[in-house]
Amino acid sequence: MKSLVKPTLLLLLMAELSGCASLGEGVAKAFLDKQTSVDTRQCEVWGKSFDGVSAHLDNGKGKMKILMVHGVGDHLPGYSTHFLEKLAKELDLPVMSAQQKNIPLTSRLDGTKNLGNLRVNRLLSKDRRKELLFYELTWSVITAKQKEVLAYDNSGEYSFRRAEVNNLLKKFSNDTGPDPIIYLGESREDILVSFAQSFCWMTKTNWDGLPDGDASKACSFNDDSAAENIKVDQYAFVSHSLGSRIAIDGMQRIATLLDSRDVEFRQALKDKTIPMYMMSNQLPMLQLGRKLPDVNNQYAAYCHANGAKYNERMVAKTPIFCIDVTNININVATIFDAFGLGKMANPLDAHIGYDTDDRVIALIAKGIGNAKTAKIVNERCQWIETI
């Protein structure tokens, strides 16, 4: 009997051992698939209703224009393609220019400087009545040179000595961590000039008047075209992490450079509302170590029509000056239960996943609290209106 029993037990044991890995993988996959099959990621909105960019596409007098400013890390022109394609679909703009226009950015004071690239796409509805000009600023070339001193850290001499995950995290931190530090140094002015040049090209001319590949010509606000376009065009900024700080500082810098001769340009900006859609907002952290702006806690004086300094404001409304804030708390990374250890999400996805999230795209495209609000926002986001 023993001779019959032992082989049977051995056979069963071998079967269990050989199937252990595949069985474990199957259980884990089923467990994770179950968690991701129902999307329970949070989307909570506090604030006033807003229209999104769709409300300004059918602009008979001017154009709808969006400027996107990336955050930390090295980027290449075209980084916004996924975001742009999703936005175009949400806005029902299926017609796109065959080629983009690329403007190498430089300084008016020093034409030898490489201040990045401005890529412009033109999107249209099928009947050509609706039009969107999308401007993508790539400024990271300005900080890339300084980050080369960290190249040894990613070289084969050292990288193979780290565990794989640790090595990936090291590369990520070397790529992204230095940018906020570099921005506080000498490169800050060049980055802000890069933003100013982008805003200048956005306001100065429309699609047909934009240069393409002309590195010798910098943009100037000093003519009537920018002021005239600002009066009729509609603008919006889409920014990510450090890009939000750059956009805010960039607009403040433009304000300080305007003098009494720029009467029409200043007046056009004063009458303008420019929304800013800030993703992965880290403004409180990016303010650390910096003194407060010269003008603060004076909302009534600058933003109310009867305020003592109402005529001294730069623009009618932006998230920088006279603000209306709508705060959106949204989970863009998949959250799962790590087998009883607690809920977690990929931190990288949680930082950079905003510009491809369908709810974020829908909020930028069609806003919230209006007749055109997207179905996904109405169904998946909780809105608490503030009055």
Protein backbone atom coordinates (compact mmCIF):
# COMPACT_ATOMS: atom_id res chain seq x y z
CA MET A 1 0.00 0.00 0.00
CA LYS A 2 2.81 2.39 0.81
CA SER A 3 4.29 1.96 -2.62
CA LEU A 4 0.99 3.00 -4.11
CA VAL A 5 0.35 5.91 -1.79
CA LYS A 6 3.70 7.63 -1.90
CA PRO A 7 3.88 8.11 -5.69
CA THR A 8 0.33 9.46 -5.61
CA LEU A 9 1.20 12.03 -2.94
CA LEU A 10 4.40 12.95 -4.78
CA LEU A 11 2.50 13.45 -8.01
CA LEU A 12 0.00 15.75 -6.30
CA LEU A 13 2.76 17.73 -4.63
CA MET A 14 4.59 18.21 -7.94
CA ALA A 15 1.38 19.40 -9.56
CA GLU A 16 0.84 21.94 -6.81
CA LEU A 17 4.42 23.24 -7.05
CA SER A 18 4.43 23.57 -10.83
CA GLY A 19 1.10 25.40 -10.81
CA CYS A 20 1.90 27.69 -7.89
CA ALA A 21 3.31 30.58 -9.92
CA SER A 22 0.61 30.60 -12.57
CA LEU A 23 -2.11 30.12 -9.98
CA GLY A 24 -0.72 33.02 -7.89
CA GLU A 25 -0.49 35.28 -10.93
CA GLY A 26 -4.03 34.39 -11.90
CA VAL A 27 -5.38 35.19 -8.44
CA ALA A 28 -3.47 38.49 -8.34
CA LYS A 29 -4.65 39.49 -11.81
CA ALA A 30 -8.25 38.65 -11.02
CA PHE A 31 -7.98 40.62 -7.77
CA LEU A 32 -6.59 43.72 -9.50
CA ASP A 33 -8.93 43.44 -12.50
CA LYS A 34 -11.90 43.40 -10.15
CA GLN A 35 -10.71 46.65 -8.56
CA THR A 36 -10.19 48.41 -11.90
CA SER A 37 -13.38 47.18 -13.58
CA VAL A 38 -15.45 49.76 -11.69
CA ASP A 39 -13.93 53.23 -11.81
CA THR A 40 -14.43 54.79 -8.38
CA ARG A 41 -11.77 57.47 -8.68
CA GLN A 42 -12.71 60.68 -6.92
CA CYS A 43 -13.83 63.83 -8.75
CA GLU A 44 -15.02 66.67 -6.55
CA VAL A 45 -15.51 70.25 -7.71
CA TRP A 46 -15.91 73.27 -5.44
CA GLY A 47 -16.60 76.70 -6.87
CA LYS A 48 -18.61 78.62 -9.42
CA SER A 49 -19.78 77.22 -12.71
CA PHE A 50 -17.65 77.86 -15.78
CA ASP A 51 -18.16 77.34 -19.49
CA GLY A 52 -14.90 75.82 -20.71
CA VAL A 53 -13.34 76.67 -24.06
CA SER A 54 -16.25 75.35 -26.18
CA ALA A 55 -18.27 78.48 -25.45
CA HIS A 56 -15.78 80.58 -27.42
CA LEU A 57 -15.14 78.42 -30.49
CA ASP A 58 -17.88 79.95 -32.64
CA ASN A 59 -16.32 83.41 -32.44
CA GLY A 60 -17.25 85.39 -35.50
CA LYS A 61 -14.97 88.29 -34.67
CA GLY A 62 -11.88 86.51 -33.37
CA LYS A 63 -10.31 83.16 -32.51
CA MET A 64 -10.14 80.86 -29.51
CA LYS A 65 -6.48 80.38 -28.53
CA ILE A 66 -4.93 78.08 -25.89
CA LEU A 67 -1.34 78.20 -24.65
CA MET A 68 -0.02 75.06 -22.95
CA VAL A 69 3.00 75.33 -20.61
CA HIS A 70 4.65 72.11 -19.43
CA GLY A 71 6.08 71.47 -15.99
CA VAL A 72 9.24 69.83 -14.67
CA GLY A 73 11.29 67.40 -16.71
CA ASP A 74 12.73 67.39 -20.22
CA HIS A 75 10.11 67.68 -22.96
CA LEU A 76 10.20 67.55 -26.73
CA PRO A 77 7.94 69.48 -29.13
CA GLY A 78 4.77 67.47 -29.56
CA TYR A 79 4.48 66.43 -25.90
CA SER A 80 0.88 67.68 -25.84
CA THR A 81 -0.30 65.56 -28.81
CA HIS A 82 -2.35 63.09 -26.75
CA PHE A 83 -4.00 65.90 -24.81
CA LEU A 84 -4.71 67.86 -27.99
CA GLU A 85 -6.26 64.91 -29.81
CA LYS A 86 -8.54 64.16 -26.87
CA LEU A 87 -9.50 67.81 -26.54
CA ALA A 88 -10.27 68.02 -30.27
CA LYS A 89 -12.53 64.98 -30.02
CA GLU A 90 -14.38 66.41 -27.01
CA LEU A 91 -14.85 69.73 -28.82
CA ASP A 92 -15.90 68.02 -32.08
CA LEU A 93 -13.04 69.55 -34.08
CA PRO A 94 -12.10 66.72 -36.47
CA VAL A 95 -10.23 68.87 -39.02
CA MET A 96 -6.56 69.66 -38.34
CA SER A 97 -3.91 71.55 -40.27
CA ALA A 98 -1.74 69.18 -42.30
CA GLN A 99 1.38 70.48 -40.58
CA GLN A 100 2.10 72.38 -37.40
CA LYS A 101 3.98 75.64 -37.33
CA ASN A 102 7.15 75.62 -35.22
CA ILE A 103 8.60 78.91 -34.01
CA PRO A 104 12.09 78.74 -32.48
CA LEU A 105 11.94 81.19 -29.60
CA THR A 106 14.62 83.75 -28.90
CA SER A 107 15.11 87.03 -27.08
CA ARG A 108 14.59 90.45 -28.63
CA LEU A 109 17.75 91.60 -26.83
CA ASP A 110 19.90 88.59 -27.77
CA GLY A 111 18.92 86.73 -30.92
CA THR A 112 21.53 84.03 -30.33
CA LYS A 113 19.65 82.57 -27.37
CA ASN A 114 17.71 79.33 -27.75
CA LEU A 115 14.63 79.78 -25.57
CA GLY A 116 12.71 76.72 -26.69
CA ASN A 117 10.02 76.07 -29.24
CA LEU A 118 6.43 77.19 -29.82
CA ARG A 119 4.41 74.67 -31.82
CA VAL A 120 1.05 75.81 -33.17
CA ASN A 121 -1.81 73.56 -34.35
CA ARG A 122 -5.00 74.70 -36.05
CA LEU A 123 -8.22 72.76 -35.39
CA LEU A 124 -11.54 73.26 -37.16
CA SER A 125 -15.06 71.87 -37.18
CA LYS A 126 -16.28 70.14 -40.34
CA ASP A 127 -18.22 73.21 -41.43
CA ARG A 128 -15.16 75.44 -40.65
CA ARG A 129 -17.28 77.70 -38.41
CA LYS A 130 -15.45 76.75 -35.22
CA GLU A 131 -11.71 77.23 -34.89
CA LEU A 132 -9.11 76.61 -32.19
CA LEU A 133 -5.46 77.63 -32.32
CA PHE A 134 -3.39 75.57 -29.90
CA TYR A 135 0.05 76.82 -28.85
CA GLU A 136 2.45 74.37 -27.17
CA LEU A 137 5.42 75.94 -25.37
CA THR A 138 8.49 73.73 -24.84
CA TRP A 139 10.93 75.60 -22.59
CA SER A 140 12.94 72.73 -21.03
CA VAL A 141 15.90 73.23 -23.38
CA ILE A 142 16.78 76.20 -21.14
CA THR A 143 17.38 73.98 -18.08
CA ALA A 144 18.66 70.89 -19.91
CA LYS A 145 22.23 72.18 -20.17
CA GLN A 146 22.55 72.69 -16.42
CA LYS A 147 21.14 69.25 -15.71
CA GLU A 148 23.93 67.65 -17.73
CA VAL A 149 26.10 67.75 -14.59
CA LEU A 150 23.92 64.90 -13.29
CA ALA A 151 24.59 62.73 -16.33
CA TYR A 152 27.19 60.66 -14.47
CA ASP A 153 24.46 59.61 -12.05
CA ASN A 154 22.54 57.94 -14.89
CA SER A 155 25.59 56.50 -16.62
CA GLY A 156 26.30 52.79 -16.82
CA GLU A 157 29.13 53.20 -14.31
CA TYR A 158 26.64 53.73 -11.51
CA SER A 159 23.15 52.78 -12.72
CA PHE A 160 23.78 49.03 -12.79
CA ARG A 161 24.73 49.13 -9.12
CA ARG A 162 21.21 50.14 -8.12
CA ALA A 163 18.11 48.00 -7.95
CA GLU A 164 15.97 48.42 -11.08
CA VAL A 165 13.13 50.34 -9.43
CA ASN A 166 15.57 52.52 -7.49
CA ASN A 167 17.41 53.29 -10.72
CA LEU A 168 14.20 54.35 -12.44
CA LEU A 169 13.32 56.59 -9.51
CA LYS A 170 16.82 58.07 -9.59
CA LYS A 171 16.51 58.94 -13.28
CA PHE A 172 13.09 60.47 -12.67
CA SER A 173 14.30 62.60 -9.77
CA ASN A 174 17.36 63.79 -11.73
CA ASP A 175 15.13 64.78 -14.63
CA THR A 176 12.44 66.59 -12.65
CA GLY A 177 13.88 67.62 -9.28
CA PRO A 178 16.41 70.24 -10.48
CA ASP A 179 13.95 72.34 -12.54
CA PRO A 180 12.29 74.24 -9.64
CA ILE A 181 15.75 74.90 -8.20
CA ILE A 182 17.15 76.09 -11.54
CA TYR A 183 14.06 78.26 -12.02
CA LEU A 184 14.98 80.22 -8.89
CA GLY A 185 18.40 81.00 -10.37
CA GLU A 186 19.69 82.82 -13.43
CA SER A 187 17.63 80.77 -15.90
CA ARG A 188 14.36 82.15 -14.52
CA GLU A 189 14.55 85.27 -16.70
CA ASP A 190 15.11 83.24 -19.87
CA ILE A 191 12.16 80.97 -19.06
CA LEU A 192 9.90 83.98 -18.48
CA VAL A 193 11.09 85.56 -21.74
CA SER A 194 10.22 82.26 -23.46
CA PHE A 195 6.70 82.51 -22.01
CA ALA A 196 6.40 86.19 -23.00
CA GLN A 197 7.46 85.41 -26.57
CA SER A 198 4.82 82.65 -26.72
CA PHE A 199 2.10 84.97 -25.42
CA CYS A 200 3.24 87.63 -27.86
CA TRP A 201 2.95 85.32 -30.89
CA MET A 202 -0.44 84.13 -29.61
CA THR A 203 -1.80 87.67 -29.40
CA LYS A 204 0.04 89.31 -32.30
CA THR A 205 -1.28 87.35 -35.26
CA ASN A 206 -3.50 84.51 -36.43
CA TRP A 207 -2.62 81.32 -38.32
CA ASP A 208 -1.67 82.83 -41.68
CA GLY A 209 0.61 85.44 -40.13
CA LEU A 210 2.63 83.04 -37.97
CA PRO A 211 6.24 82.33 -38.99
CA ASP A 212 7.43 78.77 -39.33
CA GLY A 213 11.05 77.94 -38.52
CA ASP A 214 12.25 81.57 -38.56
CA ALA A 215 14.76 81.76 -35.70
CA SER A 216 15.96 85.26 -36.51
CA LYS A 217 12.77 87.11 -35.65
CA ALA A 218 11.55 87.73 -32.12
CA CYS A 219 8.02 88.89 -31.37
CA SER A 220 7.23 92.39 -30.12
CA PHE A 221 4.08 93.79 -28.50
CA ASN A 222 4.95 97.25 -29.81
CA ASP A 223 2.38 97.62 -32.56
CA ASP A 224 -1.38 97.79 -32.83
CA SER A 225 -2.04 94.20 -33.95
CA ALA A 226 -1.67 92.61 -30.49
CA ALA A 227 -4.05 95.09 -28.87
CA GLU A 228 -6.62 94.69 -31.66
CA ASN A 229 -6.50 90.89 -31.47
CA ILE A 230 -6.80 90.87 -27.67
CA LYS A 231 -10.06 92.80 -27.98
CA VAL A 232 -11.71 90.12 -30.12
CA ASP A 233 -9.83 86.86 -29.46
CA GLN A 234 -10.40 84.58 -26.47
CA TYR A 235 -7.48 83.08 -24.56
CA ALA A 236 -6.83 80.32 -22.05
CA PHE A 237 -3.75 78.81 -20.41
CA VAL A 238 -3.31 75.10 -19.68
CA SER A 239 -0.37 74.50 -17.36
CA HIS A 240 1.21 71.67 -15.42
CA SER A 241 3.01 71.93 -12.03
CA LEU A 242 5.95 74.34 -12.50
CA GLY A 243 4.32 75.55 -15.72
CA SER A 244 1.60 77.20 -13.63
CA ARG A 245 4.23 79.17 -11.70
CA ILE A 246 5.85 80.17 -15.00
CA ALA A 247 2.54 81.38 -16.46
CA ILE A 248 1.74 83.43 -13.37
CA ASP A 249 5.21 84.95 -13.12
CA GLY A 250 5.25 85.48 -16.87
CA MET A 251 2.05 87.53 -16.88
CA GLN A 252 3.28 89.55 -13.91
CA ARG A 253 6.54 90.23 -15.74
CA ILE A 254 4.64 91.43 -18.82
CA ALA A 255 2.64 93.76 -16.57
CA THR A 256 5.79 95.33 -15.12
CA LEU A 257 7.29 95.93 -18.57
CA LEU A 258 4.29 97.80 -19.94
CA ASP A 259 4.68 101.55 -19.72
CA SER A 260 2.48 104.58 -20.38
CA ARG A 261 3.07 104.30 -24.13
CA ASP A 262 1.29 100.93 -24.29
CA VAL A 263 -2.13 102.48 -23.66
CA GLU A 264 -4.17 100.34 -26.07
CA PHE A 265 -2.43 97.11 -25.12
CA ARG A 266 -2.90 97.75 -21.40
CA GLN A 267 -6.55 98.66 -21.85
CA ALA A 268 -7.21 95.57 -23.97
CA LEU A 269 -5.78 93.36 -21.21
CA LYS A 270 -7.73 95.18 -18.50
CA ASP A 271 -10.96 94.25 -20.22
CA LYS A 272 -9.97 90.59 -20.76
CA THR A 273 -10.90 87.44 -18.88
CA ILE A 274 -8.24 84.73 -19.29
CA PRO A 275 -8.97 81.38 -17.60
CA MET A 276 -6.09 79.18 -16.51
CA TYR A 277 -6.50 75.44 -16.16
CA MET A 278 -3.77 74.34 -13.74
CA MET A 279 -3.01 70.62 -13.54
CA SER A 280 -1.05 69.01 -10.71
CA ASN A 281 -1.18 72.36 -8.95
CA GLN A 282 1.83 72.84 -6.66
CA LEU A 283 1.70 76.61 -6.25
CA PRO A 284 1.91 76.60 -2.42
CA MET A 285 5.09 74.50 -2.54
CA LEU A 286 6.57 76.58 -5.37
CA GLN A 287 5.94 79.74 -3.32
CA LEU A 288 8.11 78.49 -0.45
CA GLY A 289 11.22 80.59 0.08
CA ARG A 290 9.89 83.48 -1.99
CA LYS A 291 8.54 86.76 -0.70
CA LEU A 292 4.89 87.59 -1.31
CA PRO A 293 4.00 89.68 -4.37
CA ASP A 294 4.13 93.43 -3.93
CA VAL A 295 0.35 93.58 -4.31
CA ASN A 296 -1.61 91.15 -2.11
CA ASN A 297 -4.81 91.07 -0.06
CA GLN A 298 -6.26 93.99 -2.07
CA TYR A 299 -9.03 92.24 -3.98
CA ALA A 300 -11.66 94.89 -3.34
CA ALA A 301 -9.38 97.77 -4.29
CA TYR A 302 -8.30 96.25 -7.63
CA CYS A 303 -11.18 94.01 -8.68
CA HIS A 304 -14.40 95.84 -7.72
CA ALA A 305 -15.54 98.42 -10.24
CA ASN A 306 -15.73 101.07 -7.52
CA GLY A 307 -12.37 100.07 -5.99
CA ALA A 308 -9.72 102.71 -5.41
CA LYS A 309 -7.22 100.96 -7.73
CA TYR A 310 -9.60 99.38 -10.21
CA ASN A 311 -7.99 101.17 -13.17
CA GLU A 312 -4.53 99.92 -12.16
CA ARG A 313 -5.30 96.23 -12.64
CA MET A 314 -3.70 94.45 -15.58
CA VAL A 315 -6.52 92.18 -16.72
CA ALA A 316 -10.19 91.90 -15.86
CA LYS A 317 -9.86 88.35 -14.54
CA THR A 318 -7.22 85.66 -14.45
CA PRO A 319 -6.33 83.19 -11.73
CA ILE A 320 -3.44 85.61 -11.02
CA PHE A 321 -5.04 88.95 -10.32
CA CYS A 322 -8.81 89.30 -9.90
CA ILE A 323 -9.62 85.66 -9.39
CA ASP A 324 -12.57 83.32 -9.39
CA VAL A 325 -11.26 79.94 -8.25
CA THR A 326 -12.90 76.62 -8.97
CA ASN A 327 -11.03 73.89 -7.12
CA ILE A 328 -11.12 70.39 -8.58
CA ASN A 329 -9.93 67.43 -6.53
CA ILE A 330 -9.60 64.53 -8.92
CA ASN A 331 -7.87 61.15 -8.81
CA VAL A 332 -6.25 60.46 -12.18
CA ALA A 333 -4.28 57.35 -11.23
CA THR A 334 -5.88 53.97 -10.60
CA ILE A 335 -6.25 53.30 -6.88
CA PHE A 336 -6.07 49.71 -5.71
CA ASP A 337 -5.87 47.77 -2.48
CA ALA A 338 -2.35 46.39 -2.10
CA PHE A 339 -3.50 43.07 -0.66
CA GLY A 340 -4.54 44.50 2.69
CA LEU A 341 -1.53 46.80 3.11
CA GLY A 342 -3.60 49.88 2.26
CA LYS A 343 -4.81 51.73 -0.82
CA MET A 344 -2.17 53.04 -3.21
CA ALA A 345 -1.66 54.49 -6.68
CA ASN A 346 1.31 54.89 -9.00
CA PRO A 347 2.83 58.24 -7.88
CA LEU A 348 4.14 58.98 -11.38
CA ASP A 349 0.68 58.49 -12.93
CA ALA A 350 -0.79 60.61 -10.14
CA HIS A 351 1.48 63.51 -11.11
CA ILE A 352 1.45 63.44 -14.90
CA GLY A 353 -1.85 61.71 -15.70
CA TYR A 354 -4.05 64.80 -15.75
CA ASP A 355 -3.65 65.79 -19.39
CA THR A 356 -5.00 62.46 -20.65
CA ASP A 357 -7.81 61.93 -18.13
CA ASP A 358 -11.24 62.03 -19.83
CA ARG A 359 -12.86 63.98 -16.98
CA VAL A 360 -10.13 66.62 -16.97
CA ILE A 361 -10.39 67.00 -20.75
CA ALA A 362 -14.18 67.31 -20.51
CA LEU A 363 -13.97 69.96 -17.77
CA ILE A 364 -11.54 72.07 -19.81
CA ALA A 365 -13.61 71.61 -22.95
CA LYS A 366 -17.12 72.19 -21.62
CA GLY A 367 -16.83 73.30 -18.00
CA ILE A 368 -19.38 72.48 -15.33
CA GLY A 369 -22.77 73.80 -14.28
CA ASN A 370 -23.94 74.76 -17.76
CA ALA A 371 -26.14 73.28 -20.48
CA LYS A 372 -23.14 71.92 -22.43
CA THR A 373 -21.44 70.16 -19.50
CA ALA A 374 -20.16 66.77 -20.66
CA LYS A 375 -22.03 63.63 -19.64
CA ILE A 376 -18.94 62.13 -17.99
CA VAL A 377 -18.62 65.18 -15.73
CA ASN A 378 -22.30 65.14 -14.74
CA GLU A 379 -22.14 61.42 -13.98
CA ARG A 380 -18.71 61.09 -12.41
CA CYS A 381 -18.05 64.40 -10.65
CA GLN A 382 -19.66 65.84 -7.56
CA TRP A 383 -20.10 69.61 -7.81
CA ILE A 384 -20.50 71.87 -4.79
CA GLU A 385 -21.41 75.31 -6.08
CA THR A 386 -20.15 78.30 -4.11
CA ILE A 387 -21.93 81.65 -4.17
